[in-house]
Amino acid sequence: DIERSLYNWLSKKLDLGNGSEDKIFYSVKLIFNNKSEAQTVYNSTSANKNVLQIWTSKTETTPLASSEMTKNISENVITYNLKGGNKKAKWIKFQLLGMSFEIDSIAIVYRQKAPK
């Protein structure tokens, strides 16, 4: 086994090509290389401490609270579902904390709000 150092990663503000219009952000998915890595990360976090912190344009200075997200796992994917009023925003930003495994990809599930 290769011993990896823990790392943190912070994204930029992602407006998804349309910075002036609101979007509804439904979830952020962390896709791992295999099921065992995803399960290890999922089991190592408690309900109050997530490896993923999420900010939106509504919560610019403070990440979303654990009560504003639900977390579940399926195969090699950990899904963070956003809930509450903060999921309607112009942009999203996130940070991975204390990671030891490689993440294959990150998916953002959202929809554009209809312009008025």
C-alpha atoms as a PDB file:
ATOM      1  CA  ASP A   1       0.000   0.000   0.000  1.00  0.00           C
ATOM      2  CA  ILE A   2       1.101   3.536  -0.745  1.00  0.00           C
ATOM      3  CA  GLU A   3       0.742   5.946   2.170  1.00  0.00           C
ATOM      4  CA  ARG A   4      -0.818   9.187   0.936  1.00  0.00           C
ATOM      5  CA  SER A   5      -0.725  12.538   2.651  1.00  0.00           C
ATOM      6  CA  LEU A   6      -4.068  14.136   3.431  1.00  0.00           C
ATOM      7  CA  TYR A   7      -4.980  16.976   1.120  1.00  0.00           C
ATOM      8  CA  ASN A   8      -7.529  19.806   0.903  1.00  0.00           C
ATOM      9  CA  TRP A   9      -8.850  21.228  -2.355  1.00  0.00           C
ATOM     10  CA  LEU A  10     -10.866  24.424  -2.883  1.00  0.00           C
ATOM     11  CA  SER A  11     -12.746  25.105  -6.121  1.00  0.00           C
ATOM     12  CA  LYS A  12     -13.375  28.505  -7.606  1.00  0.00           C
ATOM     13  CA  LYS A  13     -16.881  29.979  -7.762  1.00  0.00           C
ATOM     14  CA  LEU A  14     -18.680  27.986 -10.458  1.00  0.00           C
ATOM     15  CA  ASP A  15     -21.430  29.970 -12.192  1.00  0.00           C
ATOM     16  CA  LEU A  16     -21.842  27.277 -14.879  1.00  0.00           C
ATOM     17  CA  GLY A  17     -21.652  29.707 -17.766  1.00  0.00           C
ATOM     18  CA  ASN A  18     -24.450  31.988 -16.638  1.00  0.00           C
ATOM     19  CA  GLY A  19     -23.361  34.183 -13.734  1.00  0.00           C
ATOM     20  CA  SER A  20     -26.321  36.558 -13.710  1.00  0.00           C
ATOM     21  CA  GLU A  21     -29.165  34.034 -13.452  1.00  0.00           C
ATOM     22  CA  ASP A  22     -30.292  31.921 -10.513  1.00  0.00           C
ATOM     23  CA  LYS A  23     -29.963  28.175 -10.587  1.00  0.00           C
ATOM     24  CA  ILE A  24     -31.389  25.459  -8.359  1.00  0.00           C
ATOM     25  CA  PHE A  25     -28.537  23.260  -7.122  1.00  0.00           C
ATOM     26  CA  TYR A  26     -29.816  19.800  -6.228  1.00  0.00           C
ATOM     27  CA  SER A  27     -26.682  17.856  -5.369  1.00  0.00           C
ATOM     28  CA  VAL A  28     -22.925  17.473  -5.567  1.00  0.00           C
ATOM     29  CA  LYS A  29     -21.593  13.986  -6.270  1.00  0.00           C
ATOM     30  CA  LEU A  30     -18.099  12.760  -5.466  1.00  0.00           C
ATOM     31  CA  ILE A  31     -17.229   9.882  -7.792  1.00  0.00           C
ATOM     32  CA  PHE A  32     -14.386   7.681  -6.559  1.00  0.00           C
ATOM     33  CA  ASN A  33     -12.272   5.182  -8.483  1.00  0.00           C
ATOM     34  CA  ASN A  34     -13.813   2.220  -6.662  1.00  0.00           C
ATOM     35  CA  LYS A  35     -16.478   1.270  -4.142  1.00  0.00           C
ATOM     36  CA  SER A  36     -14.086   0.554  -1.250  1.00  0.00           C
ATOM     37  CA  GLU A  37     -12.538   4.045  -1.357  1.00  0.00           C
ATOM     38  CA  ALA A  38     -15.989   5.662  -1.430  1.00  0.00           C
ATOM     39  CA  GLN A  39     -17.143   3.475   1.477  1.00  0.00           C
ATOM     40  CA  THR A  40     -14.018   4.336   3.518  1.00  0.00           C
ATOM     41  CA  VAL A  41     -14.573   8.088   3.038  1.00  0.00           C
ATOM     42  CA  TYR A  42     -18.318   7.764   3.717  1.00  0.00           C
ATOM     43  CA  ASN A  43     -17.751   5.804   6.940  1.00  0.00           C
ATOM     44  CA  SER A  44     -14.981   8.120   8.178  1.00  0.00           C
ATOM     45  CA  THR A  45     -17.283  11.130   8.360  1.00  0.00           C
ATOM     46  CA  SER A  46     -19.906  11.713  10.997  1.00  0.00           C
ATOM     47  CA  ALA A  47     -23.215  13.515  10.568  1.00  0.00           C
ATOM     48  CA  ASN A  48     -21.598  16.745  11.809  1.00  0.00           C
ATOM     49  CA  LYS A  49     -18.333  16.564   9.853  1.00  0.00           C
ATOM     50  CA  ASN A  50     -18.329  16.218   6.080  1.00  0.00           C
ATOM     51  CA  VAL A  51     -15.305  15.949   3.803  1.00  0.00           C
ATOM     52  CA  LEU A  52     -17.189  18.313   1.473  1.00  0.00           C
ATOM     53  CA  GLN A  53     -18.031  21.897   2.382  1.00  0.00           C
ATOM     54  CA  ILE A  54     -20.348  23.803   0.033  1.00  0.00           C
ATOM     55  CA  TRP A  55     -20.884  27.550  -0.383  1.00  0.00           C
ATOM     56  CA  THR A  56     -23.420  29.259  -2.614  1.00  0.00           C
ATOM     57  CA  SER A  57     -23.971  32.908  -3.502  1.00  0.00           C
ATOM     58  CA  LYS A  58     -26.548  32.938  -0.662  1.00  0.00           C
ATOM     59  CA  THR A  59     -24.007  31.728   1.945  1.00  0.00           C
ATOM     60  CA  GLU A  60     -20.944  33.459   0.572  1.00  0.00           C
ATOM     61  CA  THR A  61     -18.901  33.591   3.803  1.00  0.00           C
ATOM     62  CA  THR A  62     -20.127  30.435   5.584  1.00  0.00           C
ATOM     63  CA  PRO A  63     -20.422  26.919   4.184  1.00  0.00           C
ATOM     64  CA  LEU A  64     -23.800  25.184   4.250  1.00  0.00           C
ATOM     65  CA  ALA A  65     -24.559  23.570   7.590  1.00  0.00           C
ATOM     66  CA  SER A  66     -24.797  19.781   7.864  1.00  0.00           C
ATOM     67  CA  SER A  67     -28.541  20.221   8.447  1.00  0.00           C
ATOM     68  CA  GLU A  68     -28.826  21.774   4.959  1.00  0.00           C
ATOM     69  CA  MET A  69     -27.454  18.643   3.254  1.00  0.00           C
ATOM     70  CA  THR A  70     -28.166  14.936   3.269  1.00  0.00           C
ATOM     71  CA  LYS A  71     -25.485  12.427   2.381  1.00  0.00           C
ATOM     72  CA  ASN A  72     -25.835   8.960   0.866  1.00  0.00           C
ATOM     73  CA  ILE A  73     -23.705   6.427  -0.951  1.00  0.00           C
ATOM     74  CA  SER A  74     -24.319   4.172  -3.928  1.00  0.00           C
ATOM     75  CA  GLU A  75     -21.515   2.029  -5.356  1.00  0.00           C
ATOM     76  CA  ASN A  76     -18.533   4.403  -5.817  1.00  0.00           C
ATOM     77  CA  VAL A  77     -20.532   7.669  -5.542  1.00  0.00           C
ATOM     78  CA  ILE A  78     -21.151   9.792  -2.438  1.00  0.00           C
ATOM     79  CA  THR A  79     -24.040  12.204  -3.056  1.00  0.00           C
ATOM     80  CA  TYR A  80     -24.622  15.373  -1.031  1.00  0.00           C
ATOM     81  CA  ASN A  81     -28.224  16.534  -1.604  1.00  0.00           C
ATOM     82  CA  LEU A  82     -28.841  20.204  -0.853  1.00  0.00           C
ATOM     83  CA  LYS A  83     -32.029  21.281   0.881  1.00  0.00           C
ATOM     84  CA  GLY A  84     -33.522  24.520   2.098  1.00  0.00           C
ATOM     85  CA  GLY A  85     -33.487  28.021   0.650  1.00  0.00           C
ATOM     86  CA  ASN A  86     -29.742  28.145   0.022  1.00  0.00           C
ATOM     87  CA  LYS A  87     -29.908  25.752  -2.926  1.00  0.00           C
ATOM     88  CA  LYS A  88     -31.260  28.601  -5.123  1.00  0.00           C
ATOM     89  CA  ALA A  89     -28.169  30.630  -6.014  1.00  0.00           C
ATOM     90  CA  LYS A  90     -26.118  32.186  -8.806  1.00  0.00           C
ATOM     91  CA  TRP A  91     -22.959  30.127  -8.125  1.00  0.00           C
ATOM     92  CA  ILE A  92     -21.615  27.228  -6.093  1.00  0.00           C
ATOM     93  CA  LYS A  93     -18.165  26.630  -4.610  1.00  0.00           C
ATOM     94  CA  PHE A  94     -16.882  23.672  -2.615  1.00  0.00           C
ATOM     95  CA  GLN A  95     -13.898  22.425  -0.649  1.00  0.00           C
ATOM     96  CA  LEU A  96     -12.690  18.899   0.011  1.00  0.00           C
ATOM     97  CA  LEU A  97     -11.145  18.484   3.455  1.00  0.00           C
ATOM     98  CA  GLY A  98      -8.738  15.851   4.761  1.00  0.00           C
ATOM     99  CA  MET A  99      -8.897  13.651   1.681  1.00  0.00           C
ATOM    100  CA  SER A 100      -6.565  10.700   1.290  1.00  0.00           C
ATOM    101  CA  PHE A 101      -8.102   9.080  -1.802  1.00  0.00           C
ATOM    102  CA  GLU A 102      -8.144  10.247  -5.398  1.00  0.00           C
ATOM    103  CA  ILE A 103     -11.515  11.448  -6.675  1.00  0.00           C
ATOM    104  CA  ASP A 104     -12.277  10.458 -10.248  1.00  0.00           C
ATOM    105  CA  SER A 105     -14.760  13.280 -10.850  1.00  0.00           C
ATOM    106  CA  ILE A 106     -17.198  15.697  -9.239  1.00  0.00           C
ATOM    107  CA  ALA A 107     -20.719  16.157 -10.615  1.00  0.00           C
ATOM    108  CA  ILE A 108     -23.058  19.081  -9.942  1.00  0.00           C
ATOM    109  CA  VAL A 109     -26.763  18.411 -10.501  1.00  0.00           C
ATOM    110  CA  TYR A 110     -28.707  21.641 -11.105  1.00  0.00           C
ATOM    111  CA  ARG A 111     -31.249  23.365 -13.310  1.00  0.00           C
ATOM    112  CA  GLN A 112     -31.524  26.916 -14.606  1.00  0.00           C
ATOM    113  CA  LYS A 113     -34.297  29.071 -13.185  1.00  0.00           C
ATOM    114  CA  ALA A 114     -36.598  30.443 -15.846  1.00  0.00           C
ATOM    115  CA  PRO A 115     -35.923  34.150 -16.490  1.00  0.00           C
ATOM    116  CA  LYS A 116     -38.716  36.485 -15.478  1.00  0.00           C
END
